[in-house]
Structures are given as C-alpha cells and as structure tokens.
C-alpha cells in the first residue's frame, strides 16, 4: 500500500510500515510541515497515497466522501503517546487486510476499527 503519514504522527513509524512491505512517505519528508490541510490532501491524492492522520478535519465525509479518494486512516487513541501511536498503527497494518481499505474512511481507536466505504 502507498501511505502518507501526516506530521501529527511519529515519522519513525515509516520504517516499521516499510518493513511490512508498504511504500511510505511522510509530510516532513516532502517539506509540507505546517502547511494547510488542503496542501497535504492534494499531495496525498496526486501521489495516490492512503493518508494516515490524527487530524479530525479529515473525518468530515462531506468534504472527504469515501469512494472519492485514495483513503484515510484516522487514528483516535485515548492516550496518543508516540509509543502508543507507533504500536497501534503498526499492529493495524500488520494484522488487518489494509489493502481493502483503499478509497475508505477508516477510524482506529484503542479497541475498534470502523470502516466506512464509498457507495
């Protein structure tokens, strides 16, 4: 899977995801840190990447309707420490069939995964 990690996630997460066979780039790698959400979004879409973020702005299905983009994984942990984020996201990409999430809005919490597919 082609993944873009938002700047609100540890950049060190790229390495374990790449070790699982994913093609990963990060917002800081592309010098997009501090840029508007729309700039991040446009970069992810142009590159055909699945955006992984904690930014709730990307959860608005009126603006990011499932089925119209390459996919969004919204991470919502109760205690989003660097370690907790790395462990949870790594486990999700290791244990789930994430390729089926293309074009979906996926919300990952401490205990659940919700997938909203396009029509």
C-alpha atoms as a PDB file:
ATOM      1  CA  UNK A   1       0.000   0.000   0.000  1.00  0.00           C
ATOM      2  CA  UNK A   2       1.176   3.539  -0.749  1.00  0.00           C
ATOM      3  CA  UNK A   3       0.940   5.524   2.509  1.00  0.00           C
ATOM      4  CA  UNK A   4       1.447   9.151   3.513  1.00  0.00           C
ATOM      5  CA  UNK A   5       1.983   9.807   7.235  1.00  0.00           C
ATOM      6  CA  UNK A   6       0.747  13.179   8.427  1.00  0.00           C
ATOM      7  CA  UNK A   7       3.043  15.360  10.523  1.00  0.00           C
ATOM      8  CA  UNK A   8       0.979  14.661  13.662  1.00  0.00           C
ATOM      9  CA  UNK A   9       2.314  11.084  13.699  1.00  0.00           C
ATOM     10  CA  UNK A  10       5.841   9.985  14.579  1.00  0.00           C
ATOM     11  CA  UNK A  11       7.974   9.988  11.416  1.00  0.00           C
ATOM     12  CA  UNK A  12       9.775   6.942  12.830  1.00  0.00           C
ATOM     13  CA  UNK A  13       6.613   4.980  12.057  1.00  0.00           C
ATOM     14  CA  UNK A  14       7.642   4.965   8.383  1.00  0.00           C
ATOM     15  CA  UNK A  15      10.345   2.360   8.964  1.00  0.00           C
ATOM     16  CA  UNK A  16       8.203  -0.393  10.562  1.00  0.00           C
ATOM     17  CA  UNK A  17       5.469   0.157   7.955  1.00  0.00           C
ATOM     18  CA  UNK A  18       8.042  -0.096   5.163  1.00  0.00           C
ATOM     19  CA  UNK A  19       9.337  -3.304   6.787  1.00  0.00           C
ATOM     20  CA  UNK A  20       5.803  -4.687   6.388  1.00  0.00           C
ATOM     21  CA  UNK A  21       6.073  -4.027   2.639  1.00  0.00           C
ATOM     22  CA  UNK A  22       4.369  -0.647   2.359  1.00  0.00           C
ATOM     23  CA  UNK A  23       5.637   2.326   0.357  1.00  0.00           C
ATOM     24  CA  UNK A  24       5.659   5.111   2.955  1.00  0.00           C
ATOM     25  CA  UNK A  25       6.385   8.807   2.759  1.00  0.00           C
ATOM     26  CA  UNK A  26       5.855  11.485   5.367  1.00  0.00           C
ATOM     27  CA  UNK A  27       4.683  15.085   5.359  1.00  0.00           C
ATOM     28  CA  UNK A  28       8.039  16.281   6.796  1.00  0.00           C
ATOM     29  CA  UNK A  29       9.975  14.402   4.067  1.00  0.00           C
ATOM     30  CA  UNK A  30       8.106  16.413   1.463  1.00  0.00           C
ATOM     31  CA  UNK A  31       8.671  19.730   3.268  1.00  0.00           C
ATOM     32  CA  UNK A  32       4.910  20.044   3.838  1.00  0.00           C
ATOM     33  CA  UNK A  33       5.103  20.511   7.622  1.00  0.00           C
ATOM     34  CA  UNK A  34       2.952  23.393   8.821  1.00  0.00           C
ATOM     35  CA  UNK A  35       1.081  23.605   5.533  1.00  0.00           C
ATOM     36  CA  UNK A  36      -2.704  23.732   5.179  1.00  0.00           C
ATOM     37  CA  UNK A  37      -4.698  20.502   5.280  1.00  0.00           C
ATOM     38  CA  UNK A  38      -5.644  21.060   1.648  1.00  0.00           C
ATOM     39  CA  UNK A  39      -1.966  21.057   0.635  1.00  0.00           C
ATOM     40  CA  UNK A  40      -1.383  17.783   2.496  1.00  0.00           C
ATOM     41  CA  UNK A  41      -4.519  16.301   0.964  1.00  0.00           C
ATOM     42  CA  UNK A  42      -3.618  17.365  -2.567  1.00  0.00           C
ATOM     43  CA  UNK A  43      -0.116  15.894  -2.211  1.00  0.00           C
ATOM     44  CA  UNK A  44      -1.530  12.579  -0.967  1.00  0.00           C
ATOM     45  CA  UNK A  45      -4.072  12.392  -3.770  1.00  0.00           C
ATOM     46  CA  UNK A  46      -1.601  13.326  -6.528  1.00  0.00           C
ATOM     47  CA  UNK A  47       0.733  10.573  -5.306  1.00  0.00           C
ATOM     48  CA  UNK A  48      -2.099   8.032  -4.918  1.00  0.00           C
ATOM     49  CA  UNK A  49      -1.412   7.611  -1.210  1.00  0.00           C
ATOM     50  CA  UNK A  50      -3.541   6.465   1.709  1.00  0.00           C
ATOM     51  CA  UNK A  51      -3.397   9.268   4.301  1.00  0.00           C
ATOM     52  CA  UNK A  52      -2.771   8.276   7.928  1.00  0.00           C
ATOM     53  CA  UNK A  53      -3.514  11.106  10.359  1.00  0.00           C
ATOM     54  CA  UNK A  54      -4.899  12.168  13.735  1.00  0.00           C
ATOM     55  CA  UNK A  55      -6.418  15.346  12.251  1.00  0.00           C
ATOM     56  CA  UNK A  56     -10.195  15.327  12.787  1.00  0.00           C
ATOM     57  CA  UNK A  57     -10.663  17.741   9.880  1.00  0.00           C
ATOM     58  CA  UNK A  58     -10.188  14.743   7.571  1.00  0.00           C
ATOM     59  CA  UNK A  59     -13.144  12.934   9.186  1.00  0.00           C
ATOM     60  CA  UNK A  60     -15.797  15.143   7.567  1.00  0.00           C
ATOM     61  CA  UNK A  61     -17.379  12.859   4.972  1.00  0.00           C
ATOM     62  CA  UNK A  62     -18.996  15.851   3.276  1.00  0.00           C
ATOM     63  CA  UNK A  63     -15.515  17.029   2.300  1.00  0.00           C
ATOM     64  CA  UNK A  64     -13.805  13.616   2.082  1.00  0.00           C
ATOM     65  CA  UNK A  65     -16.538  11.289   0.896  1.00  0.00           C
ATOM     66  CA  UNK A  66     -15.464   7.633   0.903  1.00  0.00           C
ATOM     67  CA  UNK A  67     -15.045   6.315  -2.614  1.00  0.00           C
ATOM     68  CA  UNK A  68     -13.789   9.621  -3.997  1.00  0.00           C
ATOM     69  CA  UNK A  69     -10.173   9.447  -2.775  1.00  0.00           C
ATOM     70  CA  UNK A  70      -7.305   7.032  -2.096  1.00  0.00           C
ATOM     71  CA  UNK A  71      -8.293   6.510   1.542  1.00  0.00           C
ATOM     72  CA  UNK A  72      -7.923   7.963   5.021  1.00  0.00           C
ATOM     73  CA  UNK A  73      -6.974   6.287   8.278  1.00  0.00           C
ATOM     74  CA  UNK A  74      -7.944   8.479  11.229  1.00  0.00           C
ATOM     75  CA  UNK A  75      -6.230   7.419  14.455  1.00  0.00           C
ATOM     76  CA  UNK A  76      -8.108   8.306  17.662  1.00  0.00           C
ATOM     77  CA  UNK A  77      -6.381   6.894  20.740  1.00  0.00           C
ATOM     78  CA  UNK A  78      -7.350   7.811  24.296  1.00  0.00           C
ATOM     79  CA  UNK A  79      -3.683   8.441  25.166  1.00  0.00           C
ATOM     80  CA  UNK A  80      -1.861   9.151  21.889  1.00  0.00           C
ATOM     81  CA  UNK A  81       1.738   8.999  23.102  1.00  0.00           C
ATOM     82  CA  UNK A  82       4.422   8.366  20.477  1.00  0.00           C
ATOM     83  CA  UNK A  83       4.832   4.807  21.687  1.00  0.00           C
ATOM     84  CA  UNK A  84       1.076   4.095  21.721  1.00  0.00           C
ATOM     85  CA  UNK A  85       0.649   5.523  18.218  1.00  0.00           C
ATOM     86  CA  UNK A  86       3.526   3.507  16.795  1.00  0.00           C
ATOM     87  CA  UNK A  87       2.378   0.277  18.444  1.00  0.00           C
ATOM     88  CA  UNK A  88      -1.289   0.619  17.455  1.00  0.00           C
ATOM     89  CA  UNK A  89      -0.678   1.680  13.853  1.00  0.00           C
ATOM     90  CA  UNK A  90       1.995  -0.960  13.342  1.00  0.00           C
ATOM     91  CA  UNK A  91      -0.350  -3.635  14.712  1.00  0.00           C
ATOM     92  CA  UNK A  92      -3.185  -2.491  12.457  1.00  0.00           C
ATOM     93  CA  UNK A  93      -1.016  -2.639   9.331  1.00  0.00           C
ATOM     94  CA  UNK A  94       0.436  -5.991  10.412  1.00  0.00           C
ATOM     95  CA  UNK A  95      -2.810  -7.720  11.403  1.00  0.00           C
ATOM     96  CA  UNK A  96      -5.529  -6.275   9.157  1.00  0.00           C
ATOM     97  CA  UNK A  97      -6.187  -6.527   5.432  1.00  0.00           C
ATOM     98  CA  UNK A  98      -5.478  -2.845   4.924  1.00  0.00           C
ATOM     99  CA  UNK A  99      -5.410  -3.113   1.138  1.00  0.00           C
ATOM    100  CA  UNK A 100      -9.207  -3.486   1.265  1.00  0.00           C
ATOM    101  CA  UNK A 101      -9.396  -0.007   2.819  1.00  0.00           C
ATOM    102  CA  UNK A 102      -8.461   1.817  -0.381  1.00  0.00           C
ATOM    103  CA  UNK A 103     -10.987   4.612  -1.039  1.00  0.00           C
ATOM    104  CA  UNK A 104     -12.434   4.259   2.506  1.00  0.00           C
ATOM    105  CA  UNK A 105     -12.519   6.334   5.678  1.00  0.00           C
ATOM    106  CA  UNK A 106     -11.163   4.161   8.473  1.00  0.00           C
ATOM    107  CA  UNK A 107     -11.224   5.154  12.149  1.00  0.00           C
ATOM    108  CA  UNK A 108      -8.913   3.292  14.502  1.00  0.00           C
ATOM    109  CA  UNK A 109      -9.344   3.580  18.262  1.00  0.00           C
ATOM    110  CA  UNK A 110      -7.683   1.674  21.087  1.00  0.00           C
ATOM    111  CA  UNK A 111     -10.054  -1.252  20.660  1.00  0.00           C
ATOM    112  CA  UNK A 112     -12.023  -0.827  17.445  1.00  0.00           C
ATOM    113  CA  UNK A 113     -11.655  -0.317  13.739  1.00  0.00           C
ATOM    114  CA  UNK A 114     -14.546   1.226  11.805  1.00  0.00           C
ATOM    115  CA  UNK A 115     -14.506   1.234   8.022  1.00  0.00           C
ATOM    116  CA  UNK A 116     -16.766   3.488   6.018  1.00  0.00           C
ATOM    117  CA  UNK A 117     -16.855   2.511   2.368  1.00  0.00           C
ATOM    118  CA  UNK A 118     -18.000   4.556  -0.613  1.00  0.00           C
ATOM    119  CA  UNK A 119     -21.322   3.989  -2.279  1.00  0.00           C
END
